[in-house]
Amino acid sequence: MIHKTALSVNVNKVALLRNTRHLGIPDVVRAARLSLEAGANGITVHPRPDERHVRSADVFEIAAMMKDWPDREFNIEGNPFQNLMGFVQDLSARGLPLHQCTFVPDSEDQFTSDHGWAFPQDAERLKPLIEQVHARGVRVSLFMDPIPEAMAQAKAAGADRVELYTESYASAFNTSLKNDALSRFTQSARAAAAIDLGVNAGHDLNRDNLTEFLKAVPGVLEVSIGHALVSDALELGYAATVKEYLSCIDAAFAGR
């Protein structure tokens, strides 16, 4: 049975705009709610230690709002060696929903996520943290570069899924290097599927490149999209934008 890819809306860039003033607008929780009302399958947040995007209060307010959407998923991502594990523990202690925790190896002052975990180097230190998240009934996804042979190592560390870091595909999309870049993701997804490791994807996916990616890369369970989607929403509005991205996903699955 073919499962259509889920769309998780990353609201970090809504928070970035809000944080430039002290007026509380745009409202991050409202952005999340409008995205869900338009059909988004989930919401993603990445609360960095410096709170330059989503802040601690946003995480708990969005999680509380997600109680009204029991059929949608809440995904929190970040570095488990910084502040991420505290959020996982606090959400659990407050009885708030959390469905997926995505481990991302970014430094505290990093501009944006730009690489995946390295194996076998990171395996042993990740294992106990993955176990801690599993103990709270939460799925773990590891942010990974498209390296087919690393998929088995991610699985061995305890990951339920990987989120393939798609910047290399997005950068090559309008160049002669596109097919080579896409091939690495296809091979990585097949390697993951062979060992029952789920595949997510994200970073610089947009309305132009999303459909082709999903046509070529098998079994992508979820895409997390923030920067491009929020940028499009400035022109189209949240509802129309989410529906556009859902249409891109539908186009990839047409005829399957």
C-alpha atoms as a PDB file:
ATOM      1  CA  MET A   1       0.000   0.000   0.000  1.00  0.00           C
ATOM      2  CA  ILE A   2       1.354   3.419  -0.989  1.00  0.00           C
ATOM      3  CA  HIS A   3       1.123   6.078   1.706  1.00  0.00           C
ATOM      4  CA  LYS A   4       0.998   9.659   0.528  1.00  0.00           C
ATOM      5  CA  THR A   5       3.685  11.935   1.934  1.00  0.00           C
ATOM      6  CA  ALA A   6       2.594  14.033   4.917  1.00  0.00           C
ATOM      7  CA  LEU A   7       3.241  17.787   5.028  1.00  0.00           C
ATOM      8  CA  SER A   8       4.593  19.227   8.279  1.00  0.00           C
ATOM      9  CA  VAL A   9       4.750  23.020   8.365  1.00  0.00           C
ATOM     10  CA  ASN A  10       7.787  24.488  10.122  1.00  0.00           C
ATOM     11  CA  VAL A  11       6.715  27.783  11.714  1.00  0.00           C
ATOM     12  CA  ASN A  12      10.169  29.012  12.741  1.00  0.00           C
ATOM     13  CA  LYS A  13      10.283  31.786  10.157  1.00  0.00           C
ATOM     14  CA  VAL A  14       6.942  33.121  11.352  1.00  0.00           C
ATOM     15  CA  ALA A  15       8.549  33.448  14.783  1.00  0.00           C
ATOM     16  CA  LEU A  16      11.631  35.107  13.280  1.00  0.00           C
ATOM     17  CA  LEU A  17       9.486  37.872  11.802  1.00  0.00           C
ATOM     18  CA  ARG A  18       7.545  38.289  15.043  1.00  0.00           C
ATOM     19  CA  ASN A  19      10.752  38.559  17.051  1.00  0.00           C
ATOM     20  CA  THR A  20      11.829  41.718  15.203  1.00  0.00           C
ATOM     21  CA  ARG A  21       9.231  43.706  17.191  1.00  0.00           C
ATOM     22  CA  HIS A  22       7.485  43.444  20.570  1.00  0.00           C
ATOM     23  CA  LEU A  23       3.912  43.349  19.295  1.00  0.00           C
ATOM     24  CA  GLY A  24       3.351  39.593  19.199  1.00  0.00           C
ATOM     25  CA  ILE A  25       2.584  39.613  15.479  1.00  0.00           C
ATOM     26  CA  PRO A  26       2.551  37.563  13.409  1.00  0.00           C
ATOM     27  CA  ASP A  27       1.108  35.072  15.870  1.00  0.00           C
ATOM     28  CA  VAL A  28       3.001  31.767  15.631  1.00  0.00           C
ATOM     29  CA  VAL A  29       0.213  29.682  17.165  1.00  0.00           C
ATOM     30  CA  ARG A  30      -2.313  31.209  14.783  1.00  0.00           C
ATOM     31  CA  ALA A  31      -0.021  30.408  11.854  1.00  0.00           C
ATOM     32  CA  ALA A  32       0.131  26.797  12.988  1.00  0.00           C
ATOM     33  CA  ARG A  33      -3.629  26.622  13.428  1.00  0.00           C
ATOM     34  CA  LEU A  34      -4.361  28.129  10.016  1.00  0.00           C
ATOM     35  CA  SER A  35      -1.953  25.663   8.427  1.00  0.00           C
ATOM     36  CA  LEU A  36      -3.735  22.744  10.076  1.00  0.00           C
ATOM     37  CA  GLU A  37      -7.122  24.105   9.060  1.00  0.00           C
ATOM     38  CA  ALA A  38      -5.884  24.200   5.462  1.00  0.00           C
ATOM     39  CA  GLY A  39      -4.944  20.520   5.606  1.00  0.00           C
ATOM     40  CA  ALA A  40      -1.351  20.359   6.852  1.00  0.00           C
ATOM     41  CA  ASN A  41      -0.615  17.018   8.478  1.00  0.00           C
ATOM     42  CA  GLY A  42       1.582  18.395  11.212  1.00  0.00           C
ATOM     43  CA  ILE A  43       3.591  21.242  12.696  1.00  0.00           C
ATOM     44  CA  THR A  44       7.355  21.401  13.199  1.00  0.00           C
ATOM     45  CA  VAL A  45       9.297  23.674  15.546  1.00  0.00           C
ATOM     46  CA  HIS A  46      13.050  24.068  16.037  1.00  0.00           C
ATOM     47  CA  PRO A  47      13.643  25.973  19.288  1.00  0.00           C
ATOM     48  CA  ARG A  48      17.307  27.006  19.183  1.00  0.00           C
ATOM     49  CA  PRO A  49      19.072  27.947  22.441  1.00  0.00           C
ATOM     50  CA  ASP A  50      19.248  31.657  21.528  1.00  0.00           C
ATOM     51  CA  GLU A  51      15.484  31.734  20.765  1.00  0.00           C
ATOM     52  CA  ARG A  52      16.064  33.682  17.572  1.00  0.00           C
ATOM     53  CA  HIS A  53      13.176  31.772  16.001  1.00  0.00           C
ATOM     54  CA  VAL A  54      10.644  29.782  18.006  1.00  0.00           C
ATOM     55  CA  ARG A  55      10.789  30.492  21.734  1.00  0.00           C
ATOM     56  CA  SER A  56      10.172  28.174  24.665  1.00  0.00           C
ATOM     57  CA  ALA A  57       6.698  29.559  25.268  1.00  0.00           C
ATOM     58  CA  ASP A  58       5.782  28.914  21.616  1.00  0.00           C
ATOM     59  CA  VAL A  59       6.663  25.242  21.934  1.00  0.00           C
ATOM     60  CA  PHE A  60       4.251  24.689  24.815  1.00  0.00           C
ATOM     61  CA  GLU A  61       1.487  26.872  23.361  1.00  0.00           C
ATOM     62  CA  ILE A  62       1.621  25.052  20.029  1.00  0.00           C
ATOM     63  CA  ALA A  63       1.697  21.680  21.784  1.00  0.00           C
ATOM     64  CA  ALA A  64      -1.391  22.666  23.784  1.00  0.00           C
ATOM     65  CA  MET A  65      -3.127  23.758  20.600  1.00  0.00           C
ATOM     66  CA  MET A  66      -2.286  20.404  18.992  1.00  0.00           C
ATOM     67  CA  LYS A  67      -4.603  18.727  21.509  1.00  0.00           C
ATOM     68  CA  ASP A  68      -7.428  20.051  19.333  1.00  0.00           C
ATOM     69  CA  TRP A  69      -5.960  18.141  16.366  1.00  0.00           C
ATOM     70  CA  PRO A  70      -5.514  14.545  17.560  1.00  0.00           C
ATOM     71  CA  ASP A  71      -5.085  13.254  14.010  1.00  0.00           C
ATOM     72  CA  ARG A  72      -2.112  15.579  13.274  1.00  0.00           C
ATOM     73  CA  GLU A  73       1.497  15.340  14.413  1.00  0.00           C
ATOM     74  CA  PHE A  74       3.753  17.633  16.412  1.00  0.00           C
ATOM     75  CA  ASN A  75       7.458  17.398  15.588  1.00  0.00           C
ATOM     76  CA  ILE A  76      10.166  19.121  17.589  1.00  0.00           C
ATOM     77  CA  GLU A  77      13.674  19.247  16.184  1.00  0.00           C
ATOM     78  CA  GLY A  78      17.030  20.366  17.461  1.00  0.00           C
ATOM     79  CA  ASN A  79      20.331  19.269  18.908  1.00  0.00           C
ATOM     80  CA  PRO A  80      19.854  16.747  21.754  1.00  0.00           C
ATOM     81  CA  PHE A  81      23.151  17.897  23.285  1.00  0.00           C
ATOM     82  CA  GLN A  82      21.808  21.446  23.676  1.00  0.00           C
ATOM     83  CA  ASN A  83      18.229  22.209  24.752  1.00  0.00           C
ATOM     84  CA  LEU A  84      16.150  19.616  22.909  1.00  0.00           C
ATOM     85  CA  MET A  85      15.950  16.951  25.597  1.00  0.00           C
ATOM     86  CA  GLY A  86      14.626  19.471  28.116  1.00  0.00           C
ATOM     87  CA  PHE A  87      11.653  20.168  25.858  1.00  0.00           C
ATOM     88  CA  VAL A  88      10.982  16.461  25.402  1.00  0.00           C
ATOM     89  CA  GLN A  89      10.967  15.955  29.170  1.00  0.00           C
ATOM     90  CA  ASP A  90       8.832  19.024  29.888  1.00  0.00           C
ATOM     91  CA  LEU A  91       6.248  18.243  27.211  1.00  0.00           C
ATOM     92  CA  SER A  92       5.905  14.746  28.632  1.00  0.00           C
ATOM     93  CA  ALA A  93       5.653  16.038  32.205  1.00  0.00           C
ATOM     94  CA  ARG A  94       2.872  18.447  31.204  1.00  0.00           C
ATOM     95  CA  GLY A  95       0.944  15.777  29.324  1.00  0.00           C
ATOM     96  CA  LEU A  96       1.282  17.657  26.039  1.00  0.00           C
ATOM     97  CA  PRO A  97       1.385  15.871  22.680  1.00  0.00           C
ATOM     98  CA  LEU A  98       4.669  15.119  20.967  1.00  0.00           C
ATOM     99  CA  HIS A  99       4.807  12.573  18.186  1.00  0.00           C
ATOM    100  CA  GLN A 100       8.257  12.935  16.691  1.00  0.00           C
ATOM    101  CA  CYS A 101      11.617  14.238  17.858  1.00  0.00           C
ATOM    102  CA  THR A 102      14.146  15.011  15.123  1.00  0.00           C
ATOM    103  CA  PHE A 103      17.775  15.119  16.222  1.00  0.00           C
ATOM    104  CA  VAL A 104      19.757  17.741  14.270  1.00  0.00           C
ATOM    105  CA  PRO A 105      23.533  18.224  14.751  1.00  0.00           C
ATOM    106  CA  ASP A 106      23.677  22.007  14.507  1.00  0.00           C
ATOM    107  CA  SER A 107      25.869  24.198  16.688  1.00  0.00           C
ATOM    108  CA  GLU A 108      24.388  26.900  18.909  1.00  0.00           C
ATOM    109  CA  ASP A 109      25.477  29.734  16.609  1.00  0.00           C
ATOM    110  CA  GLN A 110      24.803  27.960  13.326  1.00  0.00           C
ATOM    111  CA  PHE A 111      22.911  30.035  10.770  1.00  0.00           C
ATOM    112  CA  THR A 112      20.809  27.072   9.667  1.00  0.00           C
ATOM    113  CA  SER A 113      21.102  23.291   9.644  1.00  0.00           C
ATOM    114  CA  ASP A 114      23.684  22.310   7.056  1.00  0.00           C
ATOM    115  CA  HIS A 115      24.776  18.705   7.656  1.00  0.00           C
ATOM    116  CA  GLY A 116      23.602  15.414   9.069  1.00  0.00           C
ATOM    117  CA  TRP A 117      24.916  13.139  11.791  1.00  0.00           C
ATOM    118  CA  ALA A 118      28.164  11.289  11.122  1.00  0.00           C
ATOM    119  CA  PHE A 119      28.426   7.535  11.614  1.00  0.00           C
ATOM    120  CA  PRO A 120      29.971   5.676  13.281  1.00  0.00           C
ATOM    121  CA  GLN A 121      31.348   8.717  15.150  1.00  0.00           C
ATOM    122  CA  ASP A 122      28.021   9.862  16.636  1.00  0.00           C
ATOM    123  CA  ALA A 123      26.442   6.458  17.215  1.00  0.00           C
ATOM    124  CA  GLU A 124      27.351   5.720  20.818  1.00  0.00           C
ATOM    125  CA  ARG A 125      26.472   9.142  22.200  1.00  0.00           C
ATOM    126  CA  LEU A 126      23.146   9.203  20.358  1.00  0.00           C
ATOM    127  CA  LYS A 127      21.934   5.783  21.501  1.00  0.00           C
ATOM    128  CA  PRO A 128      21.094   6.656  25.141  1.00  0.00           C
ATOM    129  CA  LEU A 129      19.305   9.849  24.092  1.00  0.00           C
ATOM    130  CA  ILE A 130      17.235   7.983  21.529  1.00  0.00           C
ATOM    131  CA  GLU A 131      16.308   5.507  24.266  1.00  0.00           C
ATOM    132  CA  GLN A 132      15.218   8.370  26.534  1.00  0.00           C
ATOM    133  CA  VAL A 133      12.884   9.709  23.860  1.00  0.00           C
ATOM    134  CA  HIS A 134      11.515   6.231  23.114  1.00  0.00           C
ATOM    135  CA  ALA A 135      10.782   5.796  26.829  1.00  0.00           C
ATOM    136  CA  ARG A 136       8.280   8.644  26.481  1.00  0.00           C
ATOM    137  CA  GLY A 137       6.576   6.977  23.533  1.00  0.00           C
ATOM    138  CA  VAL A 138       7.975   9.423  20.983  1.00  0.00           C
ATOM    139  CA  ARG A 139       9.352   8.525  17.549  1.00  0.00           C
ATOM    140  CA  VAL A 140      12.953   9.548  16.767  1.00  0.00           C
ATOM    141  CA  SER A 141      14.199  10.779  13.403  1.00  0.00           C
ATOM    142  CA  LEU A 142      17.855  11.558  12.683  1.00  0.00           C
ATOM    143  CA  PHE A 143      18.814  14.390  10.322  1.00  0.00           C
ATOM    144  CA  MET A 144      21.070  12.692   7.773  1.00  0.00           C
ATOM    145  CA  ASP A 145      22.969  13.416   4.584  1.00  0.00           C
ATOM    146  CA  PRO A 146      21.968  11.198   1.617  1.00  0.00           C
ATOM    147  CA  ILE A 147      24.580   8.495   2.185  1.00  0.00           C
ATOM    148  CA  PRO A 148      23.042   5.073   1.461  1.00  0.00           C
ATOM    149  CA  GLU A 149      25.470   3.094   3.618  1.00  0.00           C
ATOM    150  CA  ALA A 150      24.732   5.325   6.640  1.00  0.00           C
ATOM    151  CA  MET A 151      21.087   4.271   6.763  1.00  0.00           C
ATOM    152  CA  ALA A 152      21.845   0.955   8.444  1.00  0.00           C
ATOM    153  CA  GLN A 153      24.029   2.730  10.988  1.00  0.00           C
ATOM    154  CA  ALA A 154      21.208   5.131  11.839  1.00  0.00           C
ATOM    155  CA  LYS A 155      18.883   2.176  12.294  1.00  0.00           C
ATOM    156  CA  ALA A 156      21.418   0.410  14.517  1.00  0.00           C
ATOM    157  CA  ALA A 157      21.621   3.507  16.726  1.00  0.00           C
ATOM    158  CA  GLY A 158      17.894   3.161  17.372  1.00  0.00           C
ATOM    159  CA  ALA A 159      16.345   5.648  14.948  1.00  0.00           C
ATOM    160  CA  ASP A 160      12.809   5.040  13.732  1.00  0.00           C
ATOM    161  CA  ARG A 161      13.293   7.364  10.780  1.00  0.00           C
ATOM    162  CA  VAL A 162      15.839   9.566   9.075  1.00  0.00           C
ATOM    163  CA  GLU A 163      15.184  13.028   7.722  1.00  0.00           C
ATOM    164  CA  LEU A 164      17.201  13.328   4.537  1.00  0.00           C
ATOM    165  CA  TYR A 165      18.855  16.752   4.281  1.00  0.00           C
ATOM    166  CA  THR A 166      17.730  17.944   0.845  1.00  0.00           C
ATOM    167  CA  GLU A 167      19.755  21.141   0.340  1.00  0.00           C
ATOM    168  CA  SER A 168      22.097  19.456  -2.152  1.00  0.00           C
ATOM    169  CA  TYR A 169      19.128  18.505  -4.330  1.00  0.00           C
ATOM    170  CA  ALA A 170      17.564  21.956  -4.074  1.00  0.00           C
ATOM    171  CA  SER A 171      20.846  23.660  -4.994  1.00  0.00           C
ATOM    172  CA  ALA A 172      21.312  21.406  -8.010  1.00  0.00           C
ATOM    173  CA  PHE A 173      17.698  21.559  -9.178  1.00  0.00           C
ATOM    174  CA  ASN A 174      18.196  23.989 -12.055  1.00  0.00           C
ATOM    175  CA  THR A 175      21.609  22.652 -13.050  1.00  0.00           C
ATOM    176  CA  SER A 176      23.067  19.693 -14.905  1.00  0.00           C
ATOM    177  CA  LEU A 177      23.898  18.132 -11.535  1.00  0.00           C
ATOM    178  CA  LYS A 178      20.255  17.596 -10.579  1.00  0.00           C
ATOM    179  CA  ASN A 179      19.949  13.956 -11.629  1.00  0.00           C
ATOM    180  CA  ASP A 180      23.151  12.946  -9.864  1.00  0.00           C
ATOM    181  CA  ALA A 181      21.997  14.709  -6.704  1.00  0.00           C
ATOM    182  CA  LEU A 182      18.562  13.122  -6.906  1.00  0.00           C
ATOM    183  CA  SER A 183      20.090   9.690  -7.396  1.00  0.00           C
ATOM    184  CA  ARG A 184      21.784   9.849  -3.996  1.00  0.00           C
ATOM    185  CA  PHE A 185      18.439  10.454  -2.314  1.00  0.00           C
ATOM    186  CA  THR A 186      16.775   7.653  -4.253  1.00  0.00           C
ATOM    187  CA  GLN A 187      19.531   5.220  -3.270  1.00  0.00           C
ATOM    188  CA  SER A 188      19.407   6.349   0.360  1.00  0.00           C
ATOM    189  CA  ALA A 189      15.631   5.919   0.528  1.00  0.00           C
ATOM    190  CA  ARG A 190      15.882   2.434  -0.957  1.00  0.00           C
ATOM    191  CA  ALA A 191      18.603   1.503   1.526  1.00  0.00           C
ATOM    192  CA  ALA A 192      16.376   2.730   4.361  1.00  0.00           C
ATOM    193  CA  ALA A 193      13.330   0.867   3.078  1.00  0.00           C
ATOM    194  CA  ALA A 194      15.324  -2.356   2.897  1.00  0.00           C
ATOM    195  CA  ILE A 195      15.835  -2.271   6.677  1.00  0.00           C
ATOM    196  CA  ASP A 196      12.402  -0.888   7.615  1.00  0.00           C
ATOM    197  CA  LEU A 197      13.743   2.576   8.427  1.00  0.00           C
ATOM    198  CA  GLY A 198      11.260   5.369   7.750  1.00  0.00           C
ATOM    199  CA  VAL A 199      12.237   8.306   5.553  1.00  0.00           C
ATOM    200  CA  ASN A 200      11.398  11.977   6.005  1.00  0.00           C
ATOM    201  CA  ALA A 201      12.939  14.835   4.035  1.00  0.00           C
ATOM    202  CA  GLY A 202      13.475  18.537   4.387  1.00  0.00           C
ATOM    203  CA  HIS A 203      15.477  21.698   3.743  1.00  0.00           C
ATOM    204  CA  ASP A 204      14.917  24.072   0.819  1.00  0.00           C
ATOM    205  CA  LEU A 205      12.096  22.044  -0.681  1.00  0.00           C
ATOM    206  CA  ASN A 206       9.606  24.323  -2.423  1.00  0.00           C
ATOM    207  CA  ARG A 207       6.729  24.403  -4.893  1.00  0.00           C
ATOM    208  CA  ASP A 208       9.099  24.091  -7.847  1.00  0.00           C
ATOM    209  CA  ASN A 209      11.161  21.101  -6.748  1.00  0.00           C
ATOM    210  CA  LEU A 210       8.930  19.129  -4.372  1.00  0.00           C
ATOM    211  CA  THR A 211       6.903  17.095  -6.875  1.00  0.00           C
ATOM    212  CA  GLU A 212       9.934  15.882  -8.806  1.00  0.00           C
ATOM    213  CA  PHE A 213      11.679  14.902  -5.594  1.00  0.00           C
ATOM    214  CA  LEU A 214       8.744  12.826  -4.373  1.00  0.00           C
ATOM    215  CA  LYS A 215       8.316  11.165  -7.773  1.00  0.00           C
ATOM    216  CA  ALA A 216      11.933  10.015  -7.730  1.00  0.00           C
ATOM    217  CA  VAL A 217      12.484   9.181  -4.064  1.00  0.00           C
ATOM    218  CA  PRO A 218      10.389   6.230  -2.891  1.00  0.00           C
ATOM    219  CA  GLY A 219       8.558   5.974   0.390  1.00  0.00           C
ATOM    220  CA  VAL A 220       8.989   9.493   1.777  1.00  0.00           C
ATOM    221  CA  LEU A 221       6.666   9.568   4.766  1.00  0.00           C
ATOM    222  CA  GLU A 222       6.907  13.274   5.590  1.00  0.00           C
ATOM    223  CA  VAL A 223       8.372  16.509   4.311  1.00  0.00           C
ATOM    224  CA  SER A 224       9.036  19.350   6.740  1.00  0.00           C
ATOM    225  CA  ILE A 225       8.926  22.705   4.972  1.00  0.00           C
ATOM    226  CA  GLY A 226       9.378  26.109   6.551  1.00  0.00           C
ATOM    227  CA  HIS A 227      11.349  28.838   4.813  1.00  0.00           C
ATOM    228  CA  ALA A 228       9.834  28.480   1.342  1.00  0.00           C
ATOM    229  CA  LEU A 229       6.331  27.844   2.633  1.00  0.00           C
ATOM    230  CA  VAL A 230       6.316  30.864   4.943  1.00  0.00           C
ATOM    231  CA  SER A 231       7.798  33.004   2.161  1.00  0.00           C
ATOM    232  CA  ASP A 232       5.013  31.899  -0.176  1.00  0.00           C
ATOM    233  CA  ALA A 233       2.448  32.608   2.547  1.00  0.00           C
ATOM    234  CA  LEU A 234       3.511  36.267   2.607  1.00  0.00           C
ATOM    235  CA  GLU A 235       2.057  36.512  -0.893  1.00  0.00           C
ATOM    236  CA  LEU A 236      -0.659  33.858  -0.946  1.00  0.00           C
ATOM    237  CA  GLY A 237      -1.738  33.501   2.682  1.00  0.00           C
ATOM    238  CA  TYR A 238      -1.360  30.412   4.845  1.00  0.00           C
ATOM    239  CA  ALA A 239      -4.406  28.527   3.593  1.00  0.00           C
ATOM    240  CA  ALA A 240      -3.706  28.928  -0.121  1.00  0.00           C
ATOM    241  CA  THR A 241      -0.020  28.157   0.371  1.00  0.00           C
ATOM    242  CA  VAL A 242      -0.601  24.956   2.315  1.00  0.00           C
ATOM    243  CA  LYS A 243      -3.070  23.829  -0.342  1.00  0.00           C
ATOM    244  CA  GLU A 244      -0.463  24.551  -3.044  1.00  0.00           C
ATOM    245  CA  TYR A 245       2.064  22.318  -1.302  1.00  0.00           C
ATOM    246  CA  LEU A 246      -0.509  19.599  -0.794  1.00  0.00           C
ATOM    247  CA  SER A 247      -1.231  19.820  -4.520  1.00  0.00           C
ATOM    248  CA  CYS A 248       2.480  19.349  -5.235  1.00  0.00           C
ATOM    249  CA  ILE A 249       2.378  16.182  -3.135  1.00  0.00           C
ATOM    250  CA  ASP A 250      -0.800  15.000  -4.876  1.00  0.00           C
ATOM    251  CA  ALA A 251       0.866  15.511  -8.261  1.00  0.00           C
ATOM    252  CA  ALA A 252       3.743  13.280  -7.227  1.00  0.00           C
ATOM    253  CA  PHE A 253       1.348  10.450  -6.358  1.00  0.00           C
ATOM    254  CA  ALA A 254      -1.009  10.843  -9.321  1.00  0.00           C
ATOM    255  CA  GLY A 255      -1.420   7.551 -11.122  1.00  0.00           C
ATOM    256  CA  ARG A 256       0.379   5.419  -8.545  1.00  0.00           C
END
